[in-house]
Amino acid sequence: MLTLLTLLSRAFPGATPFSFKHVAIILLCSIPLSILCAFIIEKVGGGLGGILVWGTSGSFNPEDLFRGEIHKIKYSKREGRFDQALQMVNNLLHEDPDNSEAMLLKAQILWEGFGNAPTAKGCLNRIRELAPEDDKFHRWATSYLKTITGMEEKN
């Protein structure tokens, strides 16, 4: 601080040097000003980020929201929170009952988390009815159905 005062007094020889009172006033005024600048940058930056990333500020399309829900369900399942994952996937299926990806997740949760083979198999058979044979969810459902059936036969 003292070094800054010395530099300023040398740069402007005829001017009166800043006192500590001047420096304190400048600091006290600069704090609210810096908060205001940070707020403006956050709002403008957030809006620009939204425009650059999503196309419009602050809005998401339904596919983005669906993908987010799927990721949350997968995370809960991976963490062993099967009750929570089942509740979330049921909510998703309430909105879109014929969604193959959500139906496959439900079958995995029911089988891996609760050992509920009959209901899991029902979900998998529903996927096989809905999806064409060349669809990845049809193939995955068929494979998982074989896995569950094989595990049941072993037990």
N, C-alpha and C. Protein backbone atom coordinates (compact mmCIF):
# COMPACT_ATOMS: atom_id res chain seq x y z
N MET A 1 0.83 -1.17 0.00
CA MET A 1 0.00 0.00 0.00
C MET A 1 0.88 1.25 0.00
N LEU A 2 1.88 1.26 0.86
CA LEU A 2 2.78 2.40 0.94
C LEU A 2 3.57 2.55 -0.34
N THR A 3 3.90 1.44 -0.96
CA THR A 3 4.65 1.48 -2.21
C THR A 3 3.82 2.13 -3.30
N LEU A 4 2.54 1.84 -3.35
CA LEU A 4 1.64 2.43 -4.33
C LEU A 4 1.57 3.94 -4.14
N LEU A 5 1.48 4.39 -2.88
CA LEU A 5 1.46 5.83 -2.60
C LEU A 5 2.75 6.50 -3.03
N THR A 6 3.86 5.84 -2.79
CA THR A 6 5.16 6.40 -3.18
C THR A 6 5.26 6.52 -4.69
N LEU A 7 4.82 5.49 -5.42
CA LEU A 7 4.86 5.52 -6.89
C LEU A 7 3.98 6.62 -7.44
N LEU A 8 2.80 6.79 -6.86
CA LEU A 8 1.89 7.83 -7.34
C LEU A 8 2.45 9.23 -7.08
N SER A 9 3.05 9.41 -5.93
CA SER A 9 3.60 10.74 -5.63
C SER A 9 4.79 11.05 -6.53
N ARG A 10 5.55 10.04 -6.94
CA ARG A 10 6.67 10.25 -7.85
C ARG A 10 6.17 10.49 -9.28
N ALA A 11 5.06 9.84 -9.64
CA ALA A 11 4.53 10.00 -10.99
C ALA A 11 3.91 11.38 -11.18
N PHE A 12 3.35 11.93 -10.13
CA PHE A 12 2.73 13.25 -10.20
C PHE A 12 3.36 14.13 -9.13
N PRO A 13 4.53 14.72 -9.43
CA PRO A 13 5.29 15.44 -8.41
C PRO A 13 4.56 16.64 -7.80
N GLY A 14 3.75 17.36 -8.57
CA GLY A 14 3.10 18.54 -8.02
C GLY A 14 1.82 18.22 -7.27
N ALA A 15 1.29 17.03 -7.45
CA ALA A 15 0.01 16.68 -6.82
C ALA A 15 0.23 16.28 -5.36
N THR A 16 -0.84 16.48 -4.60
CA THR A 16 -0.74 16.05 -3.21
C THR A 16 -0.90 14.54 -3.17
N PRO A 17 -0.09 13.89 -2.39
CA PRO A 17 -0.17 12.43 -2.34
C PRO A 17 -1.46 11.97 -1.65
N PHE A 18 -1.83 10.74 -1.99
CA PHE A 18 -3.00 10.15 -1.34
C PHE A 18 -2.68 9.89 0.12
N SER A 19 -3.66 10.13 0.93
CA SER A 19 -3.49 9.76 2.33
C SER A 19 -4.18 8.41 2.54
N PHE A 20 -4.02 7.84 3.70
CA PHE A 20 -4.68 6.57 4.00
C PHE A 20 -6.20 6.75 4.01
N LYS A 21 -6.67 7.95 4.32
CA LYS A 21 -8.09 8.24 4.29
C LYS A 21 -8.62 8.10 2.86
N HIS A 22 -7.87 8.62 1.89
CA HIS A 22 -8.27 8.50 0.48
C HIS A 22 -8.30 7.03 0.04
N VAL A 23 -7.30 6.30 0.43
CA VAL A 23 -7.22 4.89 0.07
C VAL A 23 -8.39 4.12 0.69
N ALA A 24 -8.73 4.40 1.93
CA ALA A 24 -9.84 3.73 2.59
C ALA A 24 -11.15 4.03 1.89
N ILE A 25 -11.36 5.27 1.47
CA ILE A 25 -12.59 5.64 0.76
C ILE A 25 -12.66 4.91 -0.59
N ILE A 26 -11.55 4.86 -1.28
CA ILE A 26 -11.51 4.17 -2.58
C ILE A 26 -11.82 2.69 -2.39
N LEU A 27 -11.22 2.06 -1.39
CA LEU A 27 -11.48 0.64 -1.13
C LEU A 27 -12.94 0.39 -0.76
N LEU A 28 -13.50 1.23 0.11
CA LEU A 28 -14.88 1.06 0.51
C LEU A 28 -15.85 1.24 -0.66
N CYS A 29 -15.52 2.13 -1.57
CA CYS A 29 -16.37 2.33 -2.74
C CYS A 29 -16.18 1.22 -3.77
N SER A 30 -14.99 0.66 -3.82
CA SER A 30 -14.73 -0.36 -4.84
C SER A 30 -15.36 -1.71 -4.52
N ILE A 31 -15.62 -1.99 -3.24
CA ILE A 31 -16.23 -3.28 -2.88
C ILE A 31 -17.64 -3.39 -3.45
N PRO A 32 -18.54 -2.42 -3.20
CA PRO A 32 -19.88 -2.54 -3.82
C PRO A 32 -19.81 -2.52 -5.35
N LEU A 33 -18.88 -1.73 -5.88
CA LEU A 33 -18.73 -1.67 -7.33
C LEU A 33 -18.28 -3.02 -7.89
N SER A 34 -17.37 -3.70 -7.22
CA SER A 34 -16.92 -5.01 -7.69
C SER A 34 -18.03 -6.05 -7.56
N ILE A 35 -18.86 -5.95 -6.52
CA ILE A 35 -19.99 -6.87 -6.38
C ILE A 35 -20.98 -6.64 -7.52
N LEU A 36 -21.26 -5.39 -7.83
CA LEU A 36 -22.15 -5.06 -8.93
C LEU A 36 -21.60 -5.58 -10.25
N CYS A 37 -20.32 -5.39 -10.48
CA CYS A 37 -19.68 -5.90 -11.72
C CYS A 37 -19.77 -7.41 -11.79
N ALA A 38 -19.50 -8.10 -10.69
CA ALA A 38 -19.58 -9.56 -10.67
C ALA A 38 -21.00 -10.03 -10.96
N PHE A 39 -21.99 -9.34 -10.40
CA PHE A 39 -23.39 -9.69 -10.65
C PHE A 39 -23.74 -9.52 -12.12
N ILE A 40 -23.34 -8.40 -12.71
CA ILE A 40 -23.62 -8.15 -14.13
C ILE A 40 -22.93 -9.17 -15.01
N ILE A 41 -21.68 -9.48 -14.71
CA ILE A 41 -20.94 -10.47 -15.51
C ILE A 41 -21.59 -11.84 -15.39
N GLU A 42 -22.04 -12.20 -14.19
CA GLU A 42 -22.69 -13.50 -14.01
C GLU A 42 -23.97 -13.59 -14.83
N LYS A 43 -24.78 -12.52 -14.78
CA LYS A 43 -26.04 -12.53 -15.52
C LYS A 43 -25.81 -12.51 -17.03
N VAL A 44 -24.94 -11.65 -17.49
CA VAL A 44 -24.66 -11.58 -18.92
C VAL A 44 -23.93 -12.84 -19.37
N GLY A 45 -22.96 -13.29 -18.58
CA GLY A 45 -22.21 -14.50 -18.92
C GLY A 45 -23.09 -15.73 -18.94
N GLY A 46 -23.99 -15.84 -17.95
CA GLY A 46 -24.91 -16.97 -17.91
C GLY A 46 -25.84 -16.98 -19.11
N GLY A 47 -26.32 -15.79 -19.47
CA GLY A 47 -27.20 -15.69 -20.64
C GLY A 47 -26.47 -16.03 -21.92
N LEU A 48 -25.24 -15.52 -22.05
CA LEU A 48 -24.46 -15.83 -23.24
C LEU A 48 -24.10 -17.30 -23.30
N GLY A 49 -23.78 -17.88 -22.13
CA GLY A 49 -23.48 -19.31 -22.10
C GLY A 49 -24.68 -20.13 -22.52
N GLY A 50 -25.86 -19.73 -22.07
CA GLY A 50 -27.07 -20.43 -22.46
C GLY A 50 -27.32 -20.33 -23.95
N ILE A 51 -27.08 -19.17 -24.51
CA ILE A 51 -27.27 -18.99 -25.95
C ILE A 51 -26.27 -19.82 -26.73
N LEU A 52 -25.01 -19.82 -26.29
CA LEU A 52 -23.98 -20.54 -27.02
C LEU A 52 -24.14 -22.05 -26.89
N VAL A 53 -24.53 -22.54 -25.71
CA VAL A 53 -24.60 -23.97 -25.49
C VAL A 53 -25.94 -24.55 -25.91
N TRP A 54 -27.02 -23.93 -25.54
CA TRP A 54 -28.34 -24.53 -25.77
C TRP A 54 -29.10 -23.88 -26.91
N GLY A 55 -28.65 -22.74 -27.38
CA GLY A 55 -29.38 -22.09 -28.46
C GLY A 55 -30.28 -20.98 -27.96
N THR A 56 -30.88 -21.14 -26.79
CA THR A 56 -31.69 -20.09 -26.20
C THR A 56 -31.38 -20.03 -24.72
N SER A 57 -31.44 -18.86 -24.19
CA SER A 57 -31.08 -18.68 -22.79
C SER A 57 -32.12 -19.28 -21.85
N GLY A 58 -31.67 -20.21 -20.99
CA GLY A 58 -32.50 -20.72 -19.92
C GLY A 58 -33.57 -21.72 -20.31
N SER A 59 -33.58 -22.23 -21.51
CA SER A 59 -34.62 -23.21 -21.86
C SER A 59 -33.99 -24.51 -22.32
N PHE A 60 -34.69 -25.60 -22.05
CA PHE A 60 -34.22 -26.92 -22.44
C PHE A 60 -35.32 -27.57 -23.27
N ASN A 61 -34.92 -28.37 -24.21
CA ASN A 61 -35.95 -29.09 -24.96
C ASN A 61 -36.28 -30.39 -24.22
N PRO A 62 -37.38 -31.02 -24.54
CA PRO A 62 -37.80 -32.23 -23.83
C PRO A 62 -36.76 -33.35 -23.88
N GLU A 63 -36.03 -33.47 -24.98
CA GLU A 63 -35.01 -34.52 -25.08
C GLU A 63 -33.89 -34.29 -24.06
N ASP A 64 -33.50 -33.03 -23.86
CA ASP A 64 -32.48 -32.71 -22.85
C ASP A 64 -32.96 -33.10 -21.45
N LEU A 65 -34.20 -32.78 -21.16
CA LEU A 65 -34.77 -33.11 -19.85
C LEU A 65 -34.86 -34.62 -19.67
N PHE A 66 -35.27 -35.33 -20.72
CA PHE A 66 -35.35 -36.79 -20.66
C PHE A 66 -33.97 -37.39 -20.40
N ARG A 67 -32.95 -36.93 -21.14
CA ARG A 67 -31.59 -37.44 -20.97
C ARG A 67 -31.12 -37.20 -19.54
N GLY A 68 -31.43 -36.03 -18.99
CA GLY A 68 -31.05 -35.73 -17.61
C GLY A 68 -31.69 -36.69 -16.62
N GLU A 69 -32.97 -36.98 -16.82
CA GLU A 69 -33.66 -37.92 -15.93
C GLU A 69 -33.07 -39.32 -16.05
N ILE A 70 -32.76 -39.74 -17.26
CA ILE A 70 -32.15 -41.06 -17.47
C ILE A 70 -30.81 -41.14 -16.74
N HIS A 71 -30.01 -40.08 -16.82
CA HIS A 71 -28.71 -40.07 -16.13
C HIS A 71 -28.90 -40.15 -14.61
N LYS A 72 -29.90 -39.44 -14.08
CA LYS A 72 -30.15 -39.50 -12.64
C LYS A 72 -30.58 -40.91 -12.22
N ILE A 73 -31.41 -41.55 -13.03
CA ILE A 73 -31.86 -42.91 -12.72
C ILE A 73 -30.68 -43.87 -12.74
N LYS A 74 -29.84 -43.76 -13.77
CA LYS A 74 -28.67 -44.65 -13.86
C LYS A 74 -27.73 -44.44 -12.69
N TYR A 75 -27.56 -43.19 -12.27
CA TYR A 75 -26.69 -42.89 -11.14
C TYR A 75 -27.24 -43.51 -9.85
N SER A 76 -28.54 -43.35 -9.63
CA SER A 76 -29.16 -43.93 -8.43
C SER A 76 -29.02 -45.45 -8.44
N LYS A 77 -29.23 -46.05 -9.60
CA LYS A 77 -29.10 -47.51 -9.73
C LYS A 77 -27.67 -47.95 -9.43
N ARG A 78 -26.71 -47.22 -10.00
CA ARG A 78 -25.30 -47.55 -9.80
C ARG A 78 -24.90 -47.42 -8.33
N GLU A 79 -25.51 -46.47 -7.63
CA GLU A 79 -25.21 -46.24 -6.22
C GLU A 79 -25.97 -47.20 -5.30
N GLY A 80 -26.81 -48.06 -5.89
CA GLY A 80 -27.55 -49.02 -5.09
C GLY A 80 -28.82 -48.46 -4.46
N ARG A 81 -29.24 -47.30 -4.90
CA ARG A 81 -30.48 -46.69 -4.39
C ARG A 81 -31.63 -47.11 -5.32
N PHE A 82 -31.99 -48.38 -5.23
CA PHE A 82 -32.97 -48.96 -6.15
C PHE A 82 -34.38 -48.41 -5.94
N ASP A 83 -34.76 -48.14 -4.69
CA ASP A 83 -36.09 -47.56 -4.43
C ASP A 83 -36.23 -46.21 -5.13
N GLN A 84 -35.22 -45.38 -4.98
CA GLN A 84 -35.23 -44.06 -5.59
C GLN A 84 -35.22 -44.18 -7.11
N ALA A 85 -34.38 -45.06 -7.64
CA ALA A 85 -34.29 -45.25 -9.09
C ALA A 85 -35.62 -45.75 -9.65
N LEU A 86 -36.26 -46.68 -8.94
CA LEU A 86 -37.55 -47.21 -9.40
C LEU A 86 -38.62 -46.14 -9.40
N GLN A 87 -38.64 -45.32 -8.38
CA GLN A 87 -39.62 -44.23 -8.32
C GLN A 87 -39.41 -43.26 -9.48
N MET A 88 -38.15 -42.90 -9.76
CA MET A 88 -37.87 -41.97 -10.85
C MET A 88 -38.23 -42.56 -12.21
N VAL A 89 -37.90 -43.85 -12.42
CA VAL A 89 -38.20 -44.45 -13.72
C VAL A 89 -39.71 -44.62 -13.89
N ASN A 90 -40.43 -44.89 -12.80
CA ASN A 90 -41.89 -44.97 -12.89
C ASN A 90 -42.49 -43.61 -13.25
N ASN A 91 -41.94 -42.54 -12.70
CA ASN A 91 -42.41 -41.19 -13.06
C ASN A 91 -42.17 -40.92 -14.54
N LEU A 92 -41.02 -41.33 -15.02
CA LEU A 92 -40.69 -41.13 -16.43
C LEU A 92 -41.62 -41.94 -17.32
N LEU A 93 -41.88 -43.17 -16.92
CA LEU A 93 -42.78 -44.03 -17.71
C LEU A 93 -44.23 -43.57 -17.62
N HIS A 94 -44.59 -42.87 -16.56
CA HIS A 94 -45.93 -42.30 -16.45
C HIS A 94 -46.14 -41.27 -17.56
N GLU A 95 -45.09 -40.50 -17.86
CA GLU A 95 -45.15 -39.48 -18.92
C GLU A 95 -45.05 -40.10 -20.31
N ASP A 96 -44.26 -41.17 -20.44
CA ASP A 96 -44.05 -41.81 -21.74
C ASP A 96 -44.01 -43.32 -21.53
N PRO A 97 -45.18 -43.96 -21.45
CA PRO A 97 -45.25 -45.38 -21.06
C PRO A 97 -44.58 -46.35 -22.03
N ASP A 98 -44.37 -45.95 -23.26
CA ASP A 98 -43.79 -46.87 -24.25
C ASP A 98 -42.33 -46.56 -24.56
N ASN A 99 -41.65 -45.88 -23.64
CA ASN A 99 -40.25 -45.54 -23.88
C ASN A 99 -39.37 -46.76 -23.57
N SER A 100 -38.72 -47.27 -24.61
CA SER A 100 -37.94 -48.51 -24.48
C SER A 100 -36.76 -48.35 -23.53
N GLU A 101 -36.09 -47.22 -23.57
CA GLU A 101 -34.92 -47.03 -22.71
C GLU A 101 -35.32 -47.01 -21.23
N ALA A 102 -36.38 -46.29 -20.91
CA ALA A 102 -36.86 -46.25 -19.53
C ALA A 102 -37.37 -47.62 -19.10
N MET A 103 -38.03 -48.32 -20.02
CA MET A 103 -38.55 -49.66 -19.71
C MET A 103 -37.41 -50.63 -19.42
N LEU A 104 -36.32 -50.53 -20.19
CA LEU A 104 -35.15 -51.39 -19.96
C LEU A 104 -34.52 -51.09 -18.61
N LEU A 105 -34.41 -49.82 -18.28
CA LEU A 105 -33.87 -49.44 -16.96
C LEU A 105 -34.75 -49.99 -15.84
N LYS A 106 -36.06 -49.93 -16.03
CA LYS A 106 -36.97 -50.45 -15.01
C LYS A 106 -36.75 -51.95 -14.83
N ALA A 107 -36.59 -52.67 -15.93
CA ALA A 107 -36.36 -54.12 -15.84
C ALA A 107 -35.06 -54.40 -15.09
N GLN A 108 -34.01 -53.63 -15.37
CA GLN A 108 -32.73 -53.83 -14.69
C GLN A 108 -32.87 -53.54 -13.19
N ILE A 109 -33.57 -52.48 -12.85
CA ILE A 109 -33.76 -52.12 -11.44
C ILE A 109 -34.55 -53.20 -10.72
N LEU A 110 -35.63 -53.64 -11.36
CA LEU A 110 -36.47 -54.68 -10.73
C LEU A 110 -35.70 -55.97 -10.51
N TRP A 111 -34.88 -56.37 -11.48
CA TRP A 111 -34.14 -57.62 -11.37
C TRP A 111 -32.94 -57.48 -10.43
N GLU A 112 -32.10 -56.47 -10.69
CA GLU A 112 -30.86 -56.33 -9.92
C GLU A 112 -31.11 -55.84 -8.50
N GLY A 113 -32.11 -54.98 -8.33
CA GLY A 113 -32.34 -54.39 -7.01
C GLY A 113 -33.30 -55.16 -6.14
N PHE A 114 -34.29 -55.81 -6.78
CA PHE A 114 -35.35 -56.43 -6.00
C PHE A 114 -35.52 -57.92 -6.30
N GLY A 115 -34.81 -58.43 -7.32
CA GLY A 115 -34.94 -59.84 -7.69
C GLY A 115 -36.33 -60.18 -8.21
N ASN A 116 -37.03 -59.19 -8.75
CA ASN A 116 -38.39 -59.37 -9.23
C ASN A 116 -38.36 -59.76 -10.71
N ALA A 117 -38.13 -61.06 -10.95
CA ALA A 117 -37.99 -61.55 -12.32
C ALA A 117 -39.29 -61.44 -13.13
N PRO A 118 -40.44 -61.80 -12.58
CA PRO A 118 -41.65 -61.75 -13.41
C PRO A 118 -41.96 -60.35 -13.97
N THR A 119 -41.87 -59.33 -13.13
CA THR A 119 -42.16 -57.97 -13.59
C THR A 119 -41.07 -57.47 -14.52
N ALA A 120 -39.81 -57.81 -14.24
CA ALA A 120 -38.70 -57.41 -15.11
C ALA A 120 -38.89 -58.05 -16.49
N LYS A 121 -39.26 -59.32 -16.51
CA LYS A 121 -39.49 -60.00 -17.78
C LYS A 121 -40.66 -59.39 -18.54
N GLY A 122 -41.67 -58.95 -17.81
CA GLY A 122 -42.80 -58.27 -18.44
C GLY A 122 -42.36 -56.98 -19.14
N CYS A 123 -41.49 -56.23 -18.48
CA CYS A 123 -40.95 -55.00 -19.09
C CYS A 123 -40.16 -55.33 -20.35
N LEU A 124 -39.34 -56.37 -20.26
CA LEU A 124 -38.50 -56.75 -21.40
C LEU A 124 -39.35 -57.24 -22.57
N ASN A 125 -40.38 -58.01 -22.28
CA ASN A 125 -41.27 -58.47 -23.34
C ASN A 125 -42.02 -57.31 -23.98
N ARG A 126 -42.37 -56.31 -23.17
CA ARG A 126 -43.03 -55.11 -23.71
C ARG A 126 -42.11 -54.37 -24.67
N ILE A 127 -40.83 -54.26 -24.33
CA ILE A 127 -39.86 -53.63 -25.23
C ILE A 127 -39.79 -54.40 -26.54
N ARG A 128 -39.77 -55.72 -26.43
CA ARG A 128 -39.68 -56.56 -27.63
C ARG A 128 -40.92 -56.42 -28.51
N GLU A 129 -42.07 -56.11 -27.90
CA GLU A 129 -43.29 -55.87 -28.68
C GLU A 129 -43.24 -54.51 -29.38
N LEU A 130 -42.69 -53.52 -28.68
CA LEU A 130 -42.71 -52.14 -29.19
C LEU A 130 -41.62 -51.86 -30.21
N ALA A 131 -40.43 -52.31 -29.92
CA ALA A 131 -39.26 -51.94 -30.75
C ALA A 131 -39.09 -52.92 -31.91
N PRO A 132 -38.68 -52.41 -33.07
CA PRO A 132 -38.38 -53.31 -34.18
C PRO A 132 -37.18 -54.20 -33.85
N GLU A 133 -37.10 -55.33 -34.51
CA GLU A 133 -36.05 -56.30 -34.19
C GLU A 133 -34.64 -55.77 -34.39
N ASP A 134 -34.46 -54.82 -35.29
CA ASP A 134 -33.12 -54.28 -35.53
C ASP A 134 -32.78 -53.13 -34.58
N ASP A 135 -33.69 -52.77 -33.69
CA ASP A 135 -33.46 -51.70 -32.73
C ASP A 135 -32.57 -52.21 -31.59
N LYS A 136 -31.67 -51.35 -31.12
CA LYS A 136 -30.74 -51.76 -30.05
C LYS A 136 -31.49 -52.14 -28.78
N PHE A 137 -32.59 -51.46 -28.47
CA PHE A 137 -33.31 -51.79 -27.24
C PHE A 137 -34.00 -53.15 -27.35
N HIS A 138 -34.43 -53.51 -28.53
CA HIS A 138 -35.00 -54.85 -28.75
C HIS A 138 -33.92 -55.91 -28.51
N ARG A 139 -32.74 -55.67 -29.07
CA ARG A 139 -31.62 -56.62 -28.89
C ARG A 139 -31.21 -56.70 -27.43
N TRP A 140 -31.10 -55.56 -26.76
CA TRP A 140 -30.70 -55.55 -25.36
C TRP A 140 -31.75 -56.23 -24.49
N ALA A 141 -33.02 -55.98 -24.77
CA ALA A 141 -34.10 -56.60 -24.00
C ALA A 141 -34.07 -58.12 -24.19
N THR A 142 -33.85 -58.57 -25.42
CA THR A 142 -33.78 -60.01 -25.69
C THR A 142 -32.62 -60.65 -24.94
N SER A 143 -31.47 -59.99 -24.96
CA SER A 143 -30.29 -60.50 -24.27
C SER A 143 -30.51 -60.53 -22.76
N TYR A 144 -31.06 -59.48 -22.21
CA TYR A 144 -31.28 -59.41 -20.76
C TYR A 144 -32.33 -60.43 -20.33
N LEU A 145 -33.33 -60.64 -21.18
CA LEU A 145 -34.35 -61.65 -20.89
C LEU A 145 -33.72 -63.04 -20.80
N LYS A 146 -32.79 -63.33 -21.72
CA LYS A 146 -32.08 -64.62 -21.67
C LYS A 146 -31.25 -64.73 -20.40
N THR A 147 -30.63 -63.62 -19.99
CA THR A 147 -29.82 -63.62 -18.76
C THR A 147 -30.68 -63.93 -17.55
N ILE A 148 -31.82 -63.25 -17.44
CA ILE A 148 -32.70 -63.46 -16.29
C ILE A 148 -33.22 -64.90 -16.29
N THR A 149 -33.63 -65.38 -17.46
CA THR A 149 -34.16 -66.73 -17.55
C THR A 149 -33.09 -67.75 -17.17
N GLY A 150 -31.86 -67.52 -17.64
CA GLY A 150 -30.73 -68.41 -17.29
C GLY A 150 -30.45 -68.41 -15.80
N MET A 151 -30.50 -67.26 -15.18
CA MET A 151 -30.26 -67.15 -13.73
C MET A 151 -31.37 -67.86 -12.94
N GLU A 152 -32.59 -67.73 -13.43
CA GLU A 152 -33.71 -68.41 -12.75
C GLU A 152 -33.58 -69.92 -12.83
N GLU A 153 -33.13 -70.39 -13.99
CA GLU A 153 -32.97 -71.85 -14.16
C GLU A 153 -31.85 -72.40 -13.28
N LYS A 154 -30.80 -71.60 -13.04
CA LYS A 154 -29.70 -72.04 -12.17
C LYS A 154 -30.16 -72.16 -10.71
N ASN A 155 -31.07 -71.27 -10.33
CA ASN A 155 -31.54 -71.28 -8.93
C ASN A 155 -32.65 -72.24 -8.82
